[in-house]
Amino acid sequence: MPIETLNGIDLYYEVTGEGPTVTFLHGAGGNHISWWQQIPVFRERYRCITIDHRGFNRSTDPKQEGASRFVDDLEVLFERLGVERSALVSQSMGGRTALGFTVRHPERVPALALCDNWGGMNWPEMQVKADALRIARSETPPAPGGMGKRYRAEHPRGAFLYQQVQGLNPPRAESATAPAADSPTPEQVRALQVPTLFLVGSDDPLAAPAIIREVCAIHPNAEYVEVPGSGHSVYFEDAAAFNEHVGGFLDKHLK
């Protein structure tokens, strides 16, 4: 198994394909397996890296440091694999890793895709808005992983698979997925010139499109895409649309 021992943990990763490097960073409801509808497509033209964040699936996290070390882990993994530059494609929680790494190393990220997330920025005012919209848009009982109603109704087998993939993750402390203390600030994001794609489902109950649009507006080099009828996991619920939009974005910026 491809495992690197780094920063006090065992980090599981996979590398497949050839071409410019693209790293896929999963959300709290997933792990490296989540990208099963993306990797067979993107590996035809890119070198694709998938990981299990620390504390997820096959990656360990004995001290439950969680998201506070995600960016550190990616830095060391890239060093071990000889990755100088990589596009970053993130979903939900993975956006904290993606944006955090980009703010530290903008010259190493030719393209950044923040899907179903706004990067876990340290922006208290926006967080208040986001929390209010999350409550207003939530269902009772909550949808598994924020999955959209249409997908659950039309694809019960897919919804079951999503929960099975999530079930491979071991129990973890709630603090393990909390934003890092040094999360990027709006001021740091306003200074970024890295081409960035914000992609979100129109029915996302966890990352409301209104919030994503507002965050996108402060970025000097960003574009916004909203996928109709999709919930919080566009990559899973509407893989064709996700692959088309993200693929077109990467093709435009990766040479």
C-alpha atoms as a PDB file:
ATOM      1  CA  MET A   1       0.000   0.000   0.000  1.00  0.00           C
ATOM      2  CA  PRO A   2       1.307   3.511  -0.777  1.00  0.00           C
ATOM      3  CA  ILE A   3       1.699   4.933   2.710  1.00  0.00           C
ATOM      4  CA  GLU A   4       4.088   7.658   3.825  1.00  0.00           C
ATOM      5  CA  THR A   5       5.002   8.064   7.476  1.00  0.00           C
ATOM      6  CA  LEU A   6       5.108  11.808   8.056  1.00  0.00           C
ATOM      7  CA  ASN A   7       4.284  14.363  10.751  1.00  0.00           C
ATOM      8  CA  GLY A   8       3.662  11.549  13.249  1.00  0.00           C
ATOM      9  CA  ILE A   9       1.054   9.719  11.135  1.00  0.00           C
ATOM     10  CA  ASP A  10       0.754   7.177   8.343  1.00  0.00           C
ATOM     11  CA  LEU A  11      -0.741   8.930   5.310  1.00  0.00           C
ATOM     12  CA  TYR A  12      -2.374   6.835   2.590  1.00  0.00           C
ATOM     13  CA  TYR A  13      -2.233   8.115  -1.000  1.00  0.00           C
ATOM     14  CA  GLU A  14      -2.537   6.907  -4.591  1.00  0.00           C
ATOM     15  CA  VAL A  15      -0.967   8.234  -7.796  1.00  0.00           C
ATOM     16  CA  THR A  16      -2.218   7.380 -11.273  1.00  0.00           C
ATOM     17  CA  GLY A  17      -1.985   8.822 -14.780  1.00  0.00           C
ATOM     18  CA  GLU A  18       0.519  11.072 -16.514  1.00  0.00           C
ATOM     19  CA  GLY A  19       0.698  14.788 -17.255  1.00  0.00           C
ATOM     20  CA  PRO A  20       0.405  17.910 -15.091  1.00  0.00           C
ATOM     21  CA  THR A  21      -0.336  16.999 -11.471  1.00  0.00           C
ATOM     22  CA  VAL A  22      -3.828  17.373 -10.005  1.00  0.00           C
ATOM     23  CA  THR A  23      -4.441  16.550  -6.331  1.00  0.00           C
ATOM     24  CA  PHE A  24      -7.950  15.669  -5.128  1.00  0.00           C
ATOM     25  CA  LEU A  25      -8.825  16.536  -1.523  1.00  0.00           C
ATOM     26  CA  HIS A  26     -11.937  14.887  -0.080  1.00  0.00           C
ATOM     27  CA  GLY A  27     -14.519  16.174   2.376  1.00  0.00           C
ATOM     28  CA  ALA A  28     -15.505  14.999   5.854  1.00  0.00           C
ATOM     29  CA  GLY A  29     -17.970  12.510   4.384  1.00  0.00           C
ATOM     30  CA  GLY A  30     -15.400  10.794   2.214  1.00  0.00           C
ATOM     31  CA  ASN A  31     -11.862   9.592   1.611  1.00  0.00           C
ATOM     32  CA  HIS A  32      -9.719   8.782  -1.422  1.00  0.00           C
ATOM     33  CA  ILE A  33     -12.367   6.352  -2.714  1.00  0.00           C
ATOM     34  CA  SER A  34     -14.847   9.212  -3.085  1.00  0.00           C
ATOM     35  CA  TRP A  35     -13.261  10.223  -6.387  1.00  0.00           C
ATOM     36  CA  TRP A  36     -14.144   6.966  -8.176  1.00  0.00           C
ATOM     37  CA  GLN A  37     -16.108   8.903 -10.808  1.00  0.00           C
ATOM     38  CA  GLN A  38     -13.303  11.418 -11.403  1.00  0.00           C
ATOM     39  CA  ILE A  39      -9.985   9.556 -11.437  1.00  0.00           C
ATOM     40  CA  PRO A  40     -10.760   7.240 -14.397  1.00  0.00           C
ATOM     41  CA  VAL A  41     -11.584  10.392 -16.401  1.00  0.00           C
ATOM     42  CA  PHE A  42      -8.862  12.786 -15.288  1.00  0.00           C
ATOM     43  CA  ARG A  43      -6.009  10.282 -15.284  1.00  0.00           C
ATOM     44  CA  GLU A  44      -6.256  10.161 -19.075  1.00  0.00           C
ATOM     45  CA  ARG A  45      -4.573  13.578 -19.232  1.00  0.00           C
ATOM     46  CA  TYR A  46      -3.273  14.327 -15.744  1.00  0.00           C
ATOM     47  CA  ARG A  47      -1.152  12.783 -13.028  1.00  0.00           C
ATOM     48  CA  CYS A  48      -3.783  12.369 -10.311  1.00  0.00           C
ATOM     49  CA  ILE A  49      -3.020  12.193  -6.596  1.00  0.00           C
ATOM     50  CA  THR A  50      -5.676  11.163  -4.092  1.00  0.00           C
ATOM     51  CA  ILE A  51      -5.191  10.973  -0.346  1.00  0.00           C
ATOM     52  CA  ASP A  52      -6.937   9.995   2.838  1.00  0.00           C
ATOM     53  CA  HIS A  53      -6.671  13.034   5.089  1.00  0.00           C
ATOM     54  CA  ARG A  54      -5.231  12.166   8.506  1.00  0.00           C
ATOM     55  CA  GLY A  55      -7.835  10.353  10.581  1.00  0.00           C
ATOM     56  CA  PHE A  56      -9.792   9.194   7.513  1.00  0.00           C
ATOM     57  CA  ASN A  57      -9.966   5.653   6.159  1.00  0.00           C
ATOM     58  CA  ARG A  58      -6.389   4.284   6.018  1.00  0.00           C
ATOM     59  CA  SER A  59      -4.591   7.377   7.335  1.00  0.00           C
ATOM     60  CA  THR A  60      -3.897   7.531  11.051  1.00  0.00           C
ATOM     61  CA  ASP A  61      -4.119  10.459  13.471  1.00  0.00           C
ATOM     62  CA  PRO A  62      -3.150   9.196  16.943  1.00  0.00           C
ATOM     63  CA  LYS A  63      -3.190  12.642  18.529  1.00  0.00           C
ATOM     64  CA  GLN A  64      -6.459  13.700  16.838  1.00  0.00           C
ATOM     65  CA  GLU A  65      -4.809  16.809  15.416  1.00  0.00           C
ATOM     66  CA  GLY A  66      -7.068  16.659  12.377  1.00  0.00           C
ATOM     67  CA  ALA A  67      -7.506  19.647  10.110  1.00  0.00           C
ATOM     68  CA  SER A  68      -4.922  21.674  11.984  1.00  0.00           C
ATOM     69  CA  ARG A  69      -2.242  19.586  10.229  1.00  0.00           C
ATOM     70  CA  PHE A  70      -3.819  18.956   6.810  1.00  0.00           C
ATOM     71  CA  VAL A  71      -1.716  21.552   5.002  1.00  0.00           C
ATOM     72  CA  ASP A  72       1.462  20.405   6.765  1.00  0.00           C
ATOM     73  CA  ASP A  73       0.761  16.842   5.637  1.00  0.00           C
ATOM     74  CA  LEU A  74       0.274  17.873   2.014  1.00  0.00           C
ATOM     75  CA  GLU A  75       3.520  19.863   2.072  1.00  0.00           C
ATOM     76  CA  VAL A  76       5.534  16.856   3.223  1.00  0.00           C
ATOM     77  CA  LEU A  77       3.783  14.449   0.852  1.00  0.00           C
ATOM     78  CA  PHE A  78       4.587  16.706  -2.104  1.00  0.00           C
ATOM     79  CA  GLU A  79       8.193  16.872  -0.974  1.00  0.00           C
ATOM     80  CA  ARG A  80       8.406  13.080  -0.786  1.00  0.00           C
ATOM     81  CA  LEU A  81       6.779  12.646  -4.212  1.00  0.00           C
ATOM     82  CA  GLY A  82       8.804  15.425  -5.841  1.00  0.00           C
ATOM     83  CA  VAL A  83       5.730  17.508  -6.662  1.00  0.00           C
ATOM     84  CA  GLU A  84       6.735  21.090  -7.346  1.00  0.00           C
ATOM     85  CA  ARG A  85       3.385  22.259  -8.711  1.00  0.00           C
ATOM     86  CA  SER A  86      -0.107  20.804  -8.509  1.00  0.00           C
ATOM     87  CA  ALA A  87      -3.619  21.946  -9.243  1.00  0.00           C
ATOM     88  CA  LEU A  88      -5.864  21.333  -6.232  1.00  0.00           C
ATOM     89  CA  VAL A  89      -9.436  20.047  -6.507  1.00  0.00           C
ATOM     90  CA  SER A  90     -11.307  20.033  -3.212  1.00  0.00           C
ATOM     91  CA  GLN A  91     -14.709  19.088  -1.866  1.00  0.00           C
ATOM     92  CA  SER A  92     -16.183  20.512   1.340  1.00  0.00           C
ATOM     93  CA  MET A  93     -13.662  20.010   4.181  1.00  0.00           C
ATOM     94  CA  GLY A  94     -10.886  19.435   1.637  1.00  0.00           C
ATOM     95  CA  GLY A  95     -11.144  23.118   0.781  1.00  0.00           C
ATOM     96  CA  ARG A  96      -9.349  23.919   4.030  1.00  0.00           C
ATOM     97  CA  THR A  97      -6.355  21.952   2.803  1.00  0.00           C
ATOM     98  CA  ALA A  98      -6.559  23.386  -0.695  1.00  0.00           C
ATOM     99  CA  LEU A  99      -6.935  27.057   0.208  1.00  0.00           C
ATOM    100  CA  GLY A 100      -4.520  26.801   3.126  1.00  0.00           C
ATOM    101  CA  PHE A 101      -1.814  25.320   0.902  1.00  0.00           C
ATOM    102  CA  THR A 102      -2.509  27.879  -1.830  1.00  0.00           C
ATOM    103  CA  VAL A 103      -2.143  30.816   0.536  1.00  0.00           C
ATOM    104  CA  ARG A 104       1.184  29.415   1.775  1.00  0.00           C
ATOM    105  CA  HIS A 105       2.462  28.506  -1.702  1.00  0.00           C
ATOM    106  CA  PRO A 106       0.572  30.400  -4.425  1.00  0.00           C
ATOM    107  CA  GLU A 107       3.420  29.899  -6.880  1.00  0.00           C
ATOM    108  CA  ARG A 108       2.963  26.120  -6.629  1.00  0.00           C
ATOM    109  CA  VAL A 109      -0.758  26.044  -7.436  1.00  0.00           C
ATOM    110  CA  PRO A 110      -1.594  26.706 -11.101  1.00  0.00           C
ATOM    111  CA  ALA A 111      -5.332  26.201 -10.532  1.00  0.00           C
ATOM    112  CA  LEU A 112      -7.587  25.846  -7.485  1.00  0.00           C
ATOM    113  CA  ALA A 113     -11.091  24.336  -7.428  1.00  0.00           C
ATOM    114  CA  LEU A 114     -13.128  24.945  -4.277  1.00  0.00           C
ATOM    115  CA  CYS A 115     -16.194  22.742  -4.689  1.00  0.00           C
ATOM    116  CA  ASP A 116     -19.048  22.905  -2.187  1.00  0.00           C
ATOM    117  CA  ASN A 117     -16.901  25.023   0.133  1.00  0.00           C
ATOM    118  CA  TRP A 118     -15.369  28.447   0.671  1.00  0.00           C
ATOM    119  CA  GLY A 119     -12.031  27.258   1.957  1.00  0.00           C
ATOM    120  CA  GLY A 120     -12.683  27.376   5.690  1.00  0.00           C
ATOM    121  CA  MET A 121     -11.631  31.008   5.849  1.00  0.00           C
ATOM    122  CA  ASN A 122     -11.290  32.821   9.139  1.00  0.00           C
ATOM    123  CA  TRP A 123     -14.166  35.197   8.413  1.00  0.00           C
ATOM    124  CA  PRO A 124     -16.501  35.429  11.431  1.00  0.00           C
ATOM    125  CA  GLU A 125     -19.093  37.670   9.789  1.00  0.00           C
ATOM    126  CA  MET A 126     -19.457  35.345   6.829  1.00  0.00           C
ATOM    127  CA  GLN A 127     -19.578  32.336   9.126  1.00  0.00           C
ATOM    128  CA  VAL A 128     -22.577  33.847  10.923  1.00  0.00           C
ATOM    129  CA  LYS A 129     -24.363  34.221   7.568  1.00  0.00           C
ATOM    130  CA  ALA A 130     -23.398  30.711   6.524  1.00  0.00           C
ATOM    131  CA  ASP A 131     -24.657  29.186   9.779  1.00  0.00           C
ATOM    132  CA  ALA A 132     -27.986  30.988   9.467  1.00  0.00           C
ATOM    133  CA  LEU A 133     -28.494  29.777   5.898  1.00  0.00           C
ATOM    134  CA  ARG A 134     -27.476  26.249   6.855  1.00  0.00           C
ATOM    135  CA  ILE A 135     -30.188  26.167   9.501  1.00  0.00           C
ATOM    136  CA  ALA A 136     -32.759  27.661   7.139  1.00  0.00           C
ATOM    137  CA  ARG A 137     -31.968  25.139   4.387  1.00  0.00           C
ATOM    138  CA  SER A 138     -31.603  22.045   6.581  1.00  0.00           C
ATOM    139  CA  GLU A 139     -33.965  19.071   6.544  1.00  0.00           C
ATOM    140  CA  THR A 140     -35.348  17.061   9.442  1.00  0.00           C
ATOM    141  CA  PRO A 141     -33.820  14.546   9.741  1.00  0.00           C
ATOM    142  CA  PRO A 142     -30.652  15.924   8.114  1.00  0.00           C
ATOM    143  CA  ALA A 143     -29.810  14.540   4.690  1.00  0.00           C
ATOM    144  CA  PRO A 144     -26.788  12.193   4.769  1.00  0.00           C
ATOM    145  CA  GLY A 145     -23.779  14.289   3.827  1.00  0.00           C
ATOM    146  CA  GLY A 146     -26.048  17.125   2.746  1.00  0.00           C
ATOM    147  CA  MET A 147     -27.103  15.070  -0.268  1.00  0.00           C
ATOM    148  CA  GLY A 148     -29.738  16.660  -2.479  1.00  0.00           C
ATOM    149  CA  LYS A 149     -33.363  15.498  -2.471  1.00  0.00           C
ATOM    150  CA  ARG A 150     -33.380  14.800  -6.197  1.00  0.00           C
ATOM    151  CA  TYR A 151     -30.348  12.550  -6.038  1.00  0.00           C
ATOM    152  CA  ARG A 152     -31.663  10.577  -3.081  1.00  0.00           C
ATOM    153  CA  ALA A 153     -35.002  10.048  -4.821  1.00  0.00           C
ATOM    154  CA  GLU A 154     -33.557   9.092  -8.213  1.00  0.00           C
ATOM    155  CA  HIS A 155     -30.426   7.222  -7.105  1.00  0.00           C
ATOM    156  CA  PRO A 156     -31.052   5.280  -3.867  1.00  0.00           C
ATOM    157  CA  ARG A 157     -28.181   2.908  -4.676  1.00  0.00           C
ATOM    158  CA  GLY A 158     -25.785   5.835  -5.085  1.00  0.00           C
ATOM    159  CA  ALA A 159     -26.965   7.346  -1.810  1.00  0.00           C
ATOM    160  CA  PHE A 160     -26.334   3.993  -0.126  1.00  0.00           C
ATOM    161  CA  LEU A 161     -22.849   3.788  -1.669  1.00  0.00           C
ATOM    162  CA  TYR A 162     -22.031   7.287  -0.423  1.00  0.00           C
ATOM    163  CA  GLN A 163     -22.848   6.251   3.126  1.00  0.00           C
ATOM    164  CA  GLN A 164     -20.817   3.047   2.771  1.00  0.00           C
ATOM    165  CA  VAL A 165     -17.743   5.019   1.657  1.00  0.00           C
ATOM    166  CA  GLN A 166     -18.194   7.374   4.604  1.00  0.00           C
ATOM    167  CA  GLY A 167     -18.521   4.363   6.907  1.00  0.00           C
ATOM    168  CA  LEU A 168     -14.931   3.349   6.123  1.00  0.00           C
ATOM    169  CA  ASN A 169     -13.694   6.313   8.167  1.00  0.00           C
ATOM    170  CA  PRO A 170     -12.861   5.589  11.819  1.00  0.00           C
ATOM    171  CA  PRO A 171     -14.489   7.517  14.669  1.00  0.00           C
ATOM    172  CA  ARG A 172     -12.854  10.854  15.361  1.00  0.00           C
ATOM    173  CA  ALA A 173     -13.188  13.765  17.741  1.00  0.00           C
ATOM    174  CA  GLU A 174     -15.396  16.596  16.509  1.00  0.00           C
ATOM    175  CA  SER A 175     -12.429  18.924  16.961  1.00  0.00           C
ATOM    176  CA  ALA A 176     -10.495  16.921  14.364  1.00  0.00           C
ATOM    177  CA  THR A 177     -12.430  18.572  11.534  1.00  0.00           C
ATOM    178  CA  ALA A 178     -12.463  22.068  13.037  1.00  0.00           C
ATOM    179  CA  PRO A 179     -10.747  24.828  11.019  1.00  0.00           C
ATOM    180  CA  ALA A 180      -7.094  25.427  11.791  1.00  0.00           C
ATOM    181  CA  ALA A 181      -6.127  28.380  13.951  1.00  0.00           C
ATOM    182  CA  ASP A 182      -4.157  29.865  11.059  1.00  0.00           C
ATOM    183  CA  SER A 183      -6.959  29.534   8.499  1.00  0.00           C
ATOM    184  CA  PRO A 184      -6.681  32.004   5.590  1.00  0.00           C
ATOM    185  CA  THR A 185      -8.255  35.411   6.024  1.00  0.00           C
ATOM    186  CA  PRO A 186     -10.309  37.381   3.477  1.00  0.00           C
ATOM    187  CA  GLU A 187      -7.360  39.759   3.123  1.00  0.00           C
ATOM    188  CA  GLN A 188      -5.078  36.886   2.103  1.00  0.00           C
ATOM    189  CA  VAL A 189      -7.641  35.611  -0.385  1.00  0.00           C
ATOM    190  CA  ARG A 190      -8.070  39.063  -1.920  1.00  0.00           C
ATOM    191  CA  ALA A 191      -4.326  39.064  -2.591  1.00  0.00           C
ATOM    192  CA  LEU A 192      -4.360  35.729  -4.454  1.00  0.00           C
ATOM    193  CA  GLN A 193      -3.902  35.682  -8.214  1.00  0.00           C
ATOM    194  CA  VAL A 194      -4.284  31.906  -8.558  1.00  0.00           C
ATOM    195  CA  PRO A 195      -7.098  31.008 -10.993  1.00  0.00           C
ATOM    196  CA  THR A 196      -9.914  29.675  -8.828  1.00  0.00           C
ATOM    197  CA  LEU A 197     -13.162  27.885  -9.553  1.00  0.00           C
ATOM    198  CA  PHE A 198     -16.012  28.017  -7.039  1.00  0.00           C
ATOM    199  CA  LEU A 199     -18.488  25.236  -7.829  1.00  0.00           C
ATOM    200  CA  VAL A 200     -21.622  24.503  -5.805  1.00  0.00           C
ATOM    201  CA  GLY A 201     -24.916  22.646  -6.100  1.00  0.00           C
ATOM    202  CA  SER A 202     -28.056  24.788  -6.230  1.00  0.00           C
ATOM    203  CA  ASP A 203     -29.636  22.675  -3.472  1.00  0.00           C
ATOM    204  CA  ASP A 204     -26.601  22.473  -1.208  1.00  0.00           C
ATOM    205  CA  PRO A 205     -27.873  22.779   2.396  1.00  0.00           C
ATOM    206  CA  LEU A 206     -24.411  23.052   3.939  1.00  0.00           C
ATOM    207  CA  ALA A 207     -22.622  25.505   1.630  1.00  0.00           C
ATOM    208  CA  ALA A 208     -25.392  27.784   0.384  1.00  0.00           C
ATOM    209  CA  PRO A 209     -24.878  29.185  -3.139  1.00  0.00           C
ATOM    210  CA  ALA A 210     -25.480  32.715  -1.820  1.00  0.00           C
ATOM    211  CA  ILE A 211     -22.458  32.369   0.452  1.00  0.00           C
ATOM    212  CA  ILE A 212     -20.271  30.871  -2.268  1.00  0.00           C
ATOM    213  CA  ARG A 213     -21.181  33.697  -4.675  1.00  0.00           C
ATOM    214  CA  GLU A 214     -20.324  36.317  -2.075  1.00  0.00           C
ATOM    215  CA  VAL A 215     -16.984  34.696  -1.272  1.00  0.00           C
ATOM    216  CA  CYS A 216     -16.184  34.275  -4.959  1.00  0.00           C
ATOM    217  CA  ALA A 217     -16.716  38.011  -5.452  1.00  0.00           C
ATOM    218  CA  ILE A 218     -13.745  38.939  -3.234  1.00  0.00           C
ATOM    219  CA  HIS A 219     -11.343  36.751  -5.210  1.00  0.00           C
ATOM    220  CA  PRO A 220      -9.523  38.695  -7.929  1.00  0.00           C
ATOM    221  CA  ASN A 221      -9.237  35.754 -10.343  1.00  0.00           C
ATOM    222  CA  ALA A 222     -12.233  33.494  -9.735  1.00  0.00           C
ATOM    223  CA  GLU A 223     -15.231  32.093 -11.567  1.00  0.00           C
ATOM    224  CA  TYR A 224     -18.492  30.741 -10.192  1.00  0.00           C
ATOM    225  CA  VAL A 225     -20.470  27.703 -11.362  1.00  0.00           C
ATOM    226  CA  GLU A 226     -23.764  26.515  -9.901  1.00  0.00           C
ATOM    227  CA  VAL A 227     -24.997  23.015 -10.772  1.00  0.00           C
ATOM    228  CA  PRO A 228     -28.820  22.806 -10.844  1.00  0.00           C
ATOM    229  CA  GLY A 229     -30.509  20.251  -8.633  1.00  0.00           C
ATOM    230  CA  SER A 230     -27.379  19.048  -6.873  1.00  0.00           C
ATOM    231  CA  GLY A 231     -26.755  18.969  -3.128  1.00  0.00           C
ATOM    232  CA  HIS A 232     -23.522  19.173  -1.175  1.00  0.00           C
ATOM    233  CA  SER A 233     -21.556  16.597  -3.165  1.00  0.00           C
ATOM    234  CA  VAL A 234     -21.689  17.593  -6.815  1.00  0.00           C
ATOM    235  CA  TYR A 235     -18.725  15.335  -7.618  1.00  0.00           C
ATOM    236  CA  PHE A 236     -20.829  12.358  -6.482  1.00  0.00           C
ATOM    237  CA  GLU A 237     -24.376  13.429  -7.321  1.00  0.00           C
ATOM    238  CA  ASP A 238     -23.730  14.848 -10.796  1.00  0.00           C
ATOM    239  CA  ALA A 239     -20.311  13.541 -11.814  1.00  0.00           C
ATOM    240  CA  ALA A 240     -20.859  14.392 -15.493  1.00  0.00           C
ATOM    241  CA  ALA A 241     -21.427  18.085 -14.727  1.00  0.00           C
ATOM    242  CA  PHE A 242     -18.599  18.147 -12.189  1.00  0.00           C
ATOM    243  CA  ASN A 243     -16.129  16.547 -14.585  1.00  0.00           C
ATOM    244  CA  GLU A 244     -17.158  18.867 -17.392  1.00  0.00           C
ATOM    245  CA  HIS A 245     -16.819  22.079 -15.388  1.00  0.00           C
ATOM    246  CA  VAL A 246     -13.718  21.129 -13.413  1.00  0.00           C
ATOM    247  CA  GLY A 247     -12.136  19.482 -16.431  1.00  0.00           C
ATOM    248  CA  GLY A 248     -12.671  22.546 -18.590  1.00  0.00           C
ATOM    249  CA  PHE A 249     -11.240  24.761 -15.870  1.00  0.00           C
ATOM    250  CA  LEU A 250      -8.123  22.598 -15.492  1.00  0.00           C
ATOM    251  CA  ASP A 251      -7.616  22.285 -19.235  1.00  0.00           C
ATOM    252  CA  LYS A 252      -7.642  26.063 -19.472  1.00  0.00           C
ATOM    253  CA  HIS A 253      -4.997  26.613 -16.822  1.00  0.00           C
ATOM    254  CA  LEU A 254      -2.733  23.545 -16.940  1.00  0.00           C
ATOM    255  CA  LYS A 255      -0.168  23.423 -19.716  1.00  0.00           C
END
